[in-house]
Amino acid sequence: MKRTILILVTTTLLLAAFWFGLMKTKGEWSGVDETVVEHYAEIAGRPPRDPYINTDQGDLLLLVFLLAGTLGGFVAGYSYRVLLVKSLGSTRS
């Protein structure tokens, strides 16, 4: 019984601390790239620059995912045929 109460109290305190922490934030969270990588890059004298291929514009990222999915589907289908169909065919004959 003591163990159950201890678990409940600990869980409640952790949830309250998590909720309190969320309420204290401004809601604008920056990623690791902005907070850590850019900070140390500027310290090292290498300020951030635009990427060579900016995938944030237009549907370029969607096109890349489409091409990768098509290629992945082809490889998976070909591997399935090689692994299962040929091995099943060789056991039948």
PDB file of N, CA and C in Angstrom:
ATOM      1  N   MET A   1       0.821  -1.193   0.000  1.00  0.00           N
ATOM      2  CA  MET A   1       0.000   0.000   0.000  1.00  0.00           C
ATOM      3  C   MET A   1       0.863   1.255   0.000  1.00  0.00           C
ATOM      4  N   LYS A   2       1.949   1.222   0.800  1.00  0.00           N
ATOM      5  CA  LYS A   2       2.825   2.387   0.841  1.00  0.00           C
ATOM      6  C   LYS A   2       3.470   2.625  -0.519  1.00  0.00           C
ATOM      7  N   ARG A   3       3.797   1.525  -1.179  1.00  0.00           N
ATOM      8  CA  ARG A   3       4.438   1.640  -2.493  1.00  0.00           C
ATOM      9  C   ARG A   3       3.494   2.281  -3.510  1.00  0.00           C
ATOM     10  N   THR A   4       2.236   1.902  -3.472  1.00  0.00           N
ATOM     11  CA  THR A   4       1.250   2.468  -4.384  1.00  0.00           C
ATOM     12  C   THR A   4       1.071   3.960  -4.131  1.00  0.00           C
ATOM     13  N   ILE A   5       0.993   4.330  -2.860  1.00  0.00           N
ATOM     14  CA  ILE A   5       0.840   5.754  -2.525  1.00  0.00           C
ATOM     15  C   ILE A   5       2.079   6.536  -2.960  1.00  0.00           C
ATOM     16  N   LEU A   6       3.247   5.947  -2.751  1.00  0.00           N
ATOM     17  CA  LEU A   6       4.489   6.609  -3.164  1.00  0.00           C
ATOM     18  C   LEU A   6       4.527   6.806  -4.680  1.00  0.00           C
ATOM     19  N   ILE A   7       4.098   5.781  -5.422  1.00  0.00           N
ATOM     20  CA  ILE A   7       4.065   5.899  -6.889  1.00  0.00           C
ATOM     21  C   ILE A   7       3.069   6.967  -7.321  1.00  0.00           C
ATOM     22  N   LEU A   8       1.891   6.999  -6.699  1.00  0.00           N
ATOM     23  CA  LEU A   8       0.884   8.002  -7.047  1.00  0.00           C
ATOM     24  C   LEU A   8       1.363   9.415  -6.735  1.00  0.00           C
ATOM     25  N   VAL A   9       1.976   9.599  -5.576  1.00  0.00           N
ATOM     26  CA  VAL A   9       2.470  10.933  -5.203  1.00  0.00           C
ATOM     27  C   VAL A   9       3.589  11.364  -6.142  1.00  0.00           C
ATOM     28  N   THR A  10       4.496  10.448  -6.452  1.00  0.00           N
ATOM     29  CA  THR A  10       5.600  10.778  -7.353  1.00  0.00           C
ATOM     30  C   THR A  10       5.081  11.121  -8.735  1.00  0.00           C
ATOM     31  N   THR A  11       4.140  10.332  -9.230  1.00  0.00           N
ATOM     32  CA  THR A  11       3.565  10.606 -10.550  1.00  0.00           C
ATOM     33  C   THR A  11       2.849  11.948 -10.569  1.00  0.00           C
ATOM     34  N   THR A  12       2.107  12.226  -9.525  1.00  0.00           N
ATOM     35  CA  THR A  12       1.394  13.501  -9.450  1.00  0.00           C
ATOM     36  C   THR A  12       2.362  14.676  -9.413  1.00  0.00           C
ATOM     37  N   LEU A  13       3.431  14.549  -8.635  1.00  0.00           N
ATOM     38  CA  LEU A  13       4.419  15.629  -8.575  1.00  0.00           C
ATOM     39  C   LEU A  13       5.123  15.821  -9.911  1.00  0.00           C
ATOM     40  N   LEU A  14       5.449  14.726 -10.593  1.00  0.00           N
ATOM     41  CA  LEU A  14       6.096  14.841 -11.903  1.00  0.00           C
ATOM     42  C   LEU A  14       5.170  15.483 -12.927  1.00  0.00           C
ATOM     43  N   LEU A  15       3.904  15.076 -12.930  1.00  0.00           N
ATOM     44  CA  LEU A  15       2.948  15.684 -13.855  1.00  0.00           C
ATOM     45  C   LEU A  15       2.731  17.158 -13.549  1.00  0.00           C
ATOM     46  N   ALA A  16       2.675  17.512 -12.258  1.00  0.00           N
ATOM     47  CA  ALA A  16       2.517  18.920 -11.881  1.00  0.00           C
ATOM     48  C   ALA A  16       3.734  19.723 -12.300  1.00  0.00           C
ATOM     49  N   ALA A  17       4.922  19.186 -12.115  1.00  0.00           N
ATOM     50  CA  ALA A  17       6.144  19.887 -12.537  1.00  0.00           C
ATOM     51  C   ALA A  17       6.176  20.039 -14.054  1.00  0.00           C
ATOM     52  N   PHE A  18       5.765  19.004 -14.778  1.00  0.00           N
ATOM     53  CA  PHE A  18       5.717  19.075 -16.240  1.00  0.00           C
ATOM     54  C   PHE A  18       4.720  20.128 -16.696  1.00  0.00           C
ATOM     55  N   TRP A  19       3.542  20.138 -16.097  1.00  0.00           N
ATOM     56  CA  TRP A  19       2.520  21.116 -16.455  1.00  0.00           C
ATOM     57  C   TRP A  19       2.976  22.531 -16.124  1.00  0.00           C
ATOM     58  N   PHE A  20       3.601  22.717 -14.958  1.00  0.00           N
ATOM     59  CA  PHE A  20       4.091  24.033 -14.560  1.00  0.00           C
ATOM     60  C   PHE A  20       5.184  24.504 -15.521  1.00  0.00           C
ATOM     61  N   GLY A  21       6.038  23.586 -15.928  1.00  0.00           N
ATOM     62  CA  GLY A  21       7.089  23.931 -16.888  1.00  0.00           C
ATOM     63  C   GLY A  21       6.519  24.338 -18.236  1.00  0.00           C
ATOM     64  N   LEU A  22       5.480  23.640 -18.676  1.00  0.00           N
ATOM     65  CA  LEU A  22       4.841  24.004 -19.947  1.00  0.00           C
ATOM     66  C   LEU A  22       4.167  25.365 -19.869  1.00  0.00           C
ATOM     67  N   MET A  23       3.595  25.687 -18.726  1.00  0.00           N
ATOM     68  CA  MET A  23       2.922  26.972 -18.573  1.00  0.00           C
ATOM     69  C   MET A  23       3.917  28.122 -18.539  1.00  0.00           C
ATOM     70  N   LYS A  24       5.132  27.869 -18.138  1.00  0.00           N
ATOM     71  CA  LYS A  24       6.135  28.933 -18.043  1.00  0.00           C
ATOM     72  C   LYS A  24       6.789  29.246 -19.385  1.00  0.00           C
ATOM     73  N   THR A  25       6.651  28.366 -20.373  1.00  0.00           N
ATOM     74  CA  THR A  25       7.278  28.608 -21.661  1.00  0.00           C
ATOM     75  C   THR A  25       6.467  29.615 -22.450  1.00  0.00           C
ATOM     76  N   LYS A  26       7.115  30.241 -23.408  1.00  0.00           N
ATOM     77  CA  LYS A  26       6.439  31.234 -24.229  1.00  0.00           C
ATOM     78  C   LYS A  26       5.698  30.594 -25.393  1.00  0.00           C
ATOM     79  N   GLY A  27       5.945  29.321 -25.640  1.00  0.00           N
ATOM     80  CA  GLY A  27       5.274  28.626 -26.726  1.00  0.00           C
ATOM     81  C   GLY A  27       6.069  28.615 -28.003  1.00  0.00           C
ATOM     82  N   GLU A  28       7.148  29.355 -28.051  1.00  0.00           N
ATOM     83  CA  GLU A  28       7.996  29.357 -29.233  1.00  0.00           C
ATOM     84  C   GLU A  28       9.242  28.542 -28.929  1.00  0.00           C
ATOM     85  N   TRP A  29       9.284  27.375 -29.446  1.00  0.00           N
ATOM     86  CA  TRP A  29      10.404  26.479 -29.184  1.00  0.00           C
ATOM     87  C   TRP A  29      11.306  26.484 -30.407  1.00  0.00           C
ATOM     88  N   SER A  30      12.538  26.699 -30.162  1.00  0.00           N
ATOM     89  CA  SER A  30      13.488  26.624 -31.269  1.00  0.00           C
ATOM     90  C   SER A  30      14.164  25.265 -31.242  1.00  0.00           C
ATOM     91  N   GLY A  31      14.603  24.833 -32.403  1.00  0.00           N
ATOM     92  CA  GLY A  31      15.202  23.513 -32.521  1.00  0.00           C
ATOM     93  C   GLY A  31      16.657  23.505 -32.117  1.00  0.00           C
ATOM     94  N   VAL A  32      17.223  22.343 -32.162  1.00  0.00           N
ATOM     95  CA  VAL A  32      18.621  22.160 -31.811  1.00  0.00           C
ATOM     96  C   VAL A  32      19.516  22.908 -32.787  1.00  0.00           C
ATOM     97  N   ASP A  33      19.105  22.951 -34.050  1.00  0.00           N
ATOM     98  CA  ASP A  33      19.905  23.654 -35.049  1.00  0.00           C
ATOM     99  C   ASP A  33      20.079  25.118 -34.679  1.00  0.00           C
ATOM    100  N   GLU A  34      18.991  25.739 -34.247  1.00  0.00           N
ATOM    101  CA  GLU A  34      19.059  27.160 -33.934  1.00  0.00           C
ATOM    102  C   GLU A  34      19.756  27.430 -32.614  1.00  0.00           C
ATOM    103  N   THR A  35      19.493  26.635 -31.614  1.00  0.00           N
ATOM    104  CA  THR A  35      20.010  26.934 -30.282  1.00  0.00           C
ATOM    105  C   THR A  35      21.431  26.462 -30.074  1.00  0.00           C
ATOM    106  N   VAL A  36      21.786  25.324 -30.597  1.00  0.00           N
ATOM    107  CA  VAL A  36      23.101  24.758 -30.300  1.00  0.00           C
ATOM    108  C   VAL A  36      24.046  24.895 -31.481  1.00  0.00           C
ATOM    109  N   VAL A  37      23.637  24.389 -32.630  1.00  0.00           N
ATOM    110  CA  VAL A  37      24.543  24.330 -33.779  1.00  0.00           C
ATOM    111  C   VAL A  37      24.900  25.738 -34.261  1.00  0.00           C
ATOM    112  N   GLU A  38      23.895  26.609 -34.427  1.00  0.00           N
ATOM    113  CA  GLU A  38      24.191  27.964 -34.879  1.00  0.00           C
ATOM    114  C   GLU A  38      25.012  28.738 -33.860  1.00  0.00           C
ATOM    115  N   HIS A  39      24.749  28.510 -32.591  1.00  0.00           N
ATOM    116  CA  HIS A  39      25.503  29.195 -31.542  1.00  0.00           C
ATOM    117  C   HIS A  39      26.983  28.847 -31.627  1.00  0.00           C
ATOM    118  N   TYR A  40      27.292  27.563 -31.689  1.00  0.00           N
ATOM    119  CA  TYR A  40      28.697  27.156 -31.731  1.00  0.00           C
ATOM    120  C   TYR A  40      29.333  27.445 -33.081  1.00  0.00           C
ATOM    121  N   ALA A  41      28.534  27.466 -34.141  1.00  0.00           N
ATOM    122  CA  ALA A  41      29.080  27.833 -35.455  1.00  0.00           C
ATOM    123  C   ALA A  41      29.483  29.298 -35.472  1.00  0.00           C
ATOM    124  N   GLU A  42      28.680  30.157 -34.849  1.00  0.00           N
ATOM    125  CA  GLU A  42      29.044  31.569 -34.785  1.00  0.00           C
ATOM    126  C   GLU A  42      30.257  31.780 -33.905  1.00  0.00           C
ATOM    127  N   ILE A  43      30.383  31.027 -32.829  1.00  0.00           N
ATOM    128  CA  ILE A  43      31.571  31.130 -31.973  1.00  0.00           C
ATOM    129  C   ILE A  43      32.814  30.721 -32.764  1.00  0.00           C
ATOM    130  N   ALA A  44      32.665  29.727 -33.631  1.00  0.00           N
ATOM    131  CA  ALA A  44      33.792  29.242 -34.426  1.00  0.00           C
ATOM    132  C   ALA A  44      34.062  30.127 -35.640  1.00  0.00           C
ATOM    133  N   GLY A  45      33.244  31.166 -35.843  1.00  0.00           N
ATOM    134  CA  GLY A  45      33.471  32.084 -36.948  1.00  0.00           C
ATOM    135  C   GLY A  45      32.840  31.646 -38.246  1.00  0.00           C
ATOM    136  N   ARG A  46      31.859  30.745 -38.190  1.00  0.00           N
ATOM    137  CA  ARG A  46      31.156  30.272 -39.387  1.00  0.00           C
ATOM    138  C   ARG A  46      29.675  30.604 -39.237  1.00  0.00           C
ATOM    139  N   PRO A  47      29.265  31.789 -39.643  1.00  0.00           N
ATOM    140  CA  PRO A  47      27.851  32.157 -39.484  1.00  0.00           C
ATOM    141  C   PRO A  47      26.963  31.295 -40.374  1.00  0.00           C
ATOM    142  N   PRO A  48      25.682  31.163 -40.003  1.00  0.00           N
ATOM    143  CA  PRO A  48      24.787  30.321 -40.813  1.00  0.00           C
ATOM    144  C   PRO A  48      24.553  30.940 -42.189  1.00  0.00           C
ATOM    145  N   ARG A  49      24.336  30.095 -43.159  1.00  0.00           N
ATOM    146  CA  ARG A  49      24.062  30.537 -44.517  1.00  0.00           C
ATOM    147  C   ARG A  49      22.880  29.748 -45.056  1.00  0.00           C
ATOM    148  N   ASP A  50      22.360  30.168 -46.180  1.00  0.00           N
ATOM    149  CA  ASP A  50      21.245  29.450 -46.806  1.00  0.00           C
ATOM    150  C   ASP A  50      21.734  28.112 -47.340  1.00  0.00           C
ATOM    151  N   PRO A  51      20.894  27.088 -47.303  1.00  0.00           N
ATOM    152  CA  PRO A  51      21.322  25.782 -47.822  1.00  0.00           C
ATOM    153  C   PRO A  51      21.444  25.818 -49.345  1.00  0.00           C
ATOM    154  N   TYR A  52      22.216  24.905 -49.897  1.00  0.00           N
ATOM    155  CA  TYR A  52      22.371  24.839 -51.350  1.00  0.00           C
ATOM    156  C   TYR A  52      21.046  24.484 -52.018  1.00  0.00           C
ATOM    157  N   ILE A  53      20.337  23.534 -51.456  1.00  0.00           N
ATOM    158  CA  ILE A  53      19.020  23.161 -51.962  1.00  0.00           C
ATOM    159  C   ILE A  53      18.011  23.460 -50.867  1.00  0.00           C
ATOM    160  N   ASN A  54      17.238  24.505 -51.048  1.00  0.00           N
ATOM    161  CA  ASN A  54      16.277  24.908 -50.040  1.00  0.00           C
ATOM    162  C   ASN A  54      14.966  24.164 -50.274  1.00  0.00           C
ATOM    163  N   THR A  55      14.676  23.208 -49.423  1.00  0.00           N
ATOM    164  CA  THR A  55      13.472  22.397 -49.601  1.00  0.00           C
ATOM    165  C   THR A  55      12.252  23.016 -48.950  1.00  0.00           C
ATOM    166  N   ASP A  56      12.399  24.187 -48.341  1.00  0.00           N
ATOM    167  CA  ASP A  56      11.257  24.835 -47.702  1.00  0.00           C
ATOM    168  C   ASP A  56      10.388  25.593 -48.699  1.00  0.00           C
ATOM    169  N   GLN A  57      10.833  25.705 -49.932  1.00  0.00           N
ATOM    170  CA  GLN A  57      10.076  26.459 -50.931  1.00  0.00           C
ATOM    171  C   GLN A  57       9.362  25.499 -51.877  1.00  0.00           C
ATOM    172  N   GLY A  58       8.127  25.805 -52.174  1.00  0.00           N
ATOM    173  CA  GLY A  58       7.381  25.015 -53.153  1.00  0.00           C
ATOM    174  C   GLY A  58       7.154  23.582 -52.712  1.00  0.00           C
ATOM    175  N   ASP A  59       7.073  22.712 -53.709  1.00  0.00           N
ATOM    176  CA  ASP A  59       6.798  21.302 -53.454  1.00  0.00           C
ATOM    177  C   ASP A  59       8.026  20.435 -53.671  1.00  0.00           C
ATOM    178  N   LEU A  60       9.209  20.995 -53.531  1.00  0.00           N
ATOM    179  CA  LEU A  60      10.430  20.227 -53.760  1.00  0.00           C
ATOM    180  C   LEU A  60      10.560  19.079 -52.768  1.00  0.00           C
ATOM    181  N   LEU A  61      10.259  19.339 -51.507  1.00  0.00           N
ATOM    182  CA  LEU A  61      10.346  18.274 -50.505  1.00  0.00           C
ATOM    183  C   LEU A  61       9.340  17.165 -50.804  1.00  0.00           C
ATOM    184  N   LEU A  62       8.144  17.529 -51.255  1.00  0.00           N
ATOM    185  CA  LEU A  62       7.132  16.539 -51.637  1.00  0.00           C
ATOM    186  C   LEU A  62       7.612  15.704 -52.808  1.00  0.00           C
ATOM    187  N   LEU A  63       8.246  16.338 -53.781  1.00  0.00           N
ATOM    188  CA  LEU A  63       8.782  15.610 -54.934  1.00  0.00           C
ATOM    189  C   LEU A  63       9.891  14.645 -54.500  1.00  0.00           C
ATOM    190  N   VAL A  64      10.740  15.085 -53.590  1.00  0.00           N
ATOM    191  CA  VAL A  64      11.820  14.210 -53.110  1.00  0.00           C
ATOM    192  C   VAL A  64      11.227  12.994 -52.395  1.00  0.00           C
ATOM    193  N   PHE A  65      10.209  13.196 -51.566  1.00  0.00           N
ATOM    194  CA  PHE A  65       9.561  12.074 -50.885  1.00  0.00           C
ATOM    195  C   PHE A  65       8.882  11.144 -51.886  1.00  0.00           C
ATOM    196  N   LEU A  66       8.284  11.707 -52.933  1.00  0.00           N
ATOM    197  CA  LEU A  66       7.648  10.882 -53.959  1.00  0.00           C
ATOM    198  C   LEU A  66       8.677  10.015 -54.670  1.00  0.00           C
ATOM    199  N   LEU A  67       9.796  10.615 -55.054  1.00  0.00           N
ATOM    200  CA  LEU A  67      10.833   9.849 -55.749  1.00  0.00           C
ATOM    201  C   LEU A  67      11.432   8.789 -54.832  1.00  0.00           C
ATOM    202  N   ALA A  68      11.669   9.134 -53.578  1.00  0.00           N
ATOM    203  CA  ALA A  68      12.231   8.160 -52.632  1.00  0.00           C
ATOM    204  C   ALA A  68      11.247   7.023 -52.372  1.00  0.00           C
ATOM    205  N   GLY A  69       9.956   7.340 -52.276  1.00  0.00           N
ATOM    206  CA  GLY A  69       8.945   6.300 -52.082  1.00  0.00           C
ATOM    207  C   GLY A  69       8.828   5.389 -53.287  1.00  0.00           C
ATOM    208  N   THR A  70       8.902   5.963 -54.476  1.00  0.00           N
ATOM    209  CA  THR A  70       8.849   5.158 -55.694  1.00  0.00           C
ATOM    210  C   THR A  70      10.051   4.235 -55.780  1.00  0.00           C
ATOM    211  N   LEU A  71      11.231   4.770 -55.536  1.00  0.00           N
ATOM    212  CA  LEU A  71      12.440   3.949 -55.571  1.00  0.00           C
ATOM    213  C   LEU A  71      12.412   2.869 -54.485  1.00  0.00           C
ATOM    214  N   GLY A  72      11.980   3.252 -53.277  1.00  0.00           N
ATOM    215  CA  GLY A  72      11.886   2.276 -52.193  1.00  0.00           C
ATOM    216  C   GLY A  72      10.881   1.180 -52.487  1.00  0.00           C
ATOM    217  N   GLY A  73       9.743   1.546 -53.097  1.00  0.00           N
ATOM    218  CA  GLY A  73       8.749   0.556 -53.470  1.00  0.00           C
ATOM    219  C   GLY A  73       9.262  -0.404 -54.530  1.00  0.00           C
ATOM    220  N   PHE A  74      10.002   0.127 -55.493  1.00  0.00           N
ATOM    221  CA  PHE A  74      10.571  -0.737 -56.522  1.00  0.00           C
ATOM    222  C   PHE A  74      11.573  -1.717 -55.908  1.00  0.00           C
ATOM    223  N   VAL A  75      12.441  -1.222 -55.051  1.00  0.00           N
ATOM    224  CA  VAL A  75      13.446  -2.091 -54.416  1.00  0.00           C
ATOM    225  C   VAL A  75      12.768  -3.140 -53.545  1.00  0.00           C
ATOM    226  N   ALA A  76      11.755  -2.733 -52.787  1.00  0.00           N
ATOM    227  CA  ALA A  76      11.053  -3.695 -51.930  1.00  0.00           C
ATOM    228  C   ALA A  76      10.341  -4.742 -52.772  1.00  0.00           C
ATOM    229  N   GLY A  77       9.689  -4.333 -53.854  1.00  0.00           N
ATOM    230  CA  GLY A  77       8.998  -5.286 -54.718  1.00  0.00           C
ATOM    231  C   GLY A  77       9.949  -6.237 -55.413  1.00  0.00           C
ATOM    232  N   TYR A  78      11.063  -5.710 -55.878  1.00  0.00           N
ATOM    233  CA  TYR A  78      12.038  -6.574 -56.534  1.00  0.00           C
ATOM    234  C   TYR A  78      12.662  -7.551 -55.543  1.00  0.00           C
ATOM    235  N   SER A  79      12.942  -7.068 -54.337  1.00  0.00           N
ATOM    236  CA  SER A  79      13.512  -7.955 -53.320  1.00  0.00           C
ATOM    237  C   SER A  79      12.514  -9.034 -52.922  1.00  0.00           C
ATOM    238  N   TYR A  80      11.249  -8.672 -52.821  1.00  0.00           N
ATOM    239  CA  TYR A  80      10.223  -9.649 -52.490  1.00  0.00           C
ATOM    240  C   TYR A  80      10.182 -10.743 -53.557  1.00  0.00           C
ATOM    241  N   ARG A  81      10.239 -10.344 -54.825  1.00  0.00           N
ATOM    242  CA  ARG A  81      10.196 -11.319 -55.911  1.00  0.00           C
ATOM    243  C   ARG A  81      11.418 -12.232 -55.864  1.00  0.00           C
ATOM    244  N   VAL A  82      12.587 -11.647 -55.626  1.00  0.00           N
ATOM    245  CA  VAL A  82      13.817 -12.442 -55.604  1.00  0.00           C
ATOM    246  C   VAL A  82      13.843 -13.374 -54.401  1.00  0.00           C
ATOM    247  N   LEU A  83      13.440 -12.895 -53.240  1.00  0.00           N
ATOM    248  CA  LEU A  83      13.555 -13.692 -52.020  1.00  0.00           C
ATOM    249  C   LEU A  83      12.482 -14.770 -51.920  1.00  0.00           C
ATOM    250  N   LEU A  84      11.245 -14.431 -52.253  1.00  0.00           N
ATOM    251  CA  LEU A  84      10.153 -15.376 -52.010  1.00  0.00           C
ATOM    252  C   LEU A  84       9.719 -16.159 -53.248  1.00  0.00           C
ATOM    253  N   VAL A  85       9.549 -15.490 -54.365  1.00  0.00           N
ATOM    254  CA  VAL A  85       9.026 -16.174 -55.539  1.00  0.00           C
ATOM    255  C   VAL A  85      10.048 -17.156 -56.091  1.00  0.00           C
ATOM    256  N   LYS A  86      11.305 -16.745 -56.192  1.00  0.00           N
ATOM    257  CA  LYS A  86      12.310 -17.656 -56.718  1.00  0.00           C
ATOM    258  C   LYS A  86      12.568 -18.810 -55.765  1.00  0.00           C
ATOM    259  N   SER A  87      12.561 -18.521 -54.440  1.00  0.00           N
ATOM    260  CA  SER A  87      12.823 -19.613 -53.498  1.00  0.00           C
ATOM    261  C   SER A  87      11.652 -20.577 -53.450  1.00  0.00           C
ATOM    262  N   LEU A  88      10.415 -20.083 -53.582  1.00  0.00           N
ATOM    263  CA  LEU A  88       9.266 -20.980 -53.632  1.00  0.00           C
ATOM    264  C   LEU A  88       9.278 -21.792 -54.922  1.00  0.00           C
ATOM    265  N   GLY A  89       9.674 -21.153 -56.022  1.00  0.00           N
ATOM    266  CA  GLY A  89       9.726 -21.849 -57.297  1.00  0.00           C
ATOM    267  C   GLY A  89      10.786 -22.934 -57.309  1.00  0.00           C
ATOM    268  N   SER A  90      11.894 -22.695 -56.627  1.00  0.00           N
ATOM    269  CA  SER A  90      12.959 -23.692 -56.630  1.00  0.00           C
ATOM    270  C   SER A  90      12.607 -24.903 -55.770  1.00  0.00           C
ATOM    271  N   THR A  91      11.768 -24.725 -54.732  1.00  0.00           N
ATOM    272  CA  THR A  91      11.387 -25.869 -53.907  1.00  0.00           C
ATOM    273  C   THR A  91      10.319 -26.719 -54.571  1.00  0.00           C
ATOM    274  N   ARG A  92       9.516 -26.102 -55.468  1.00  0.00           N
ATOM    275  CA  ARG A  92       8.463 -26.855 -56.126  1.00  0.00           C
ATOM    276  C   ARG A  92       9.018 -27.769 -57.210  1.00  0.00           C
ATOM    277  N   SER A  93      10.090 -27.323 -57.855  1.00  0.00           N
ATOM    278  CA  SER A  93      10.587 -28.136 -58.954  1.00  0.00           C
ATOM    279  C   SER A  93      11.662 -29.105 -58.518  1.00  0.00           C
TER     280      SER A  93
END
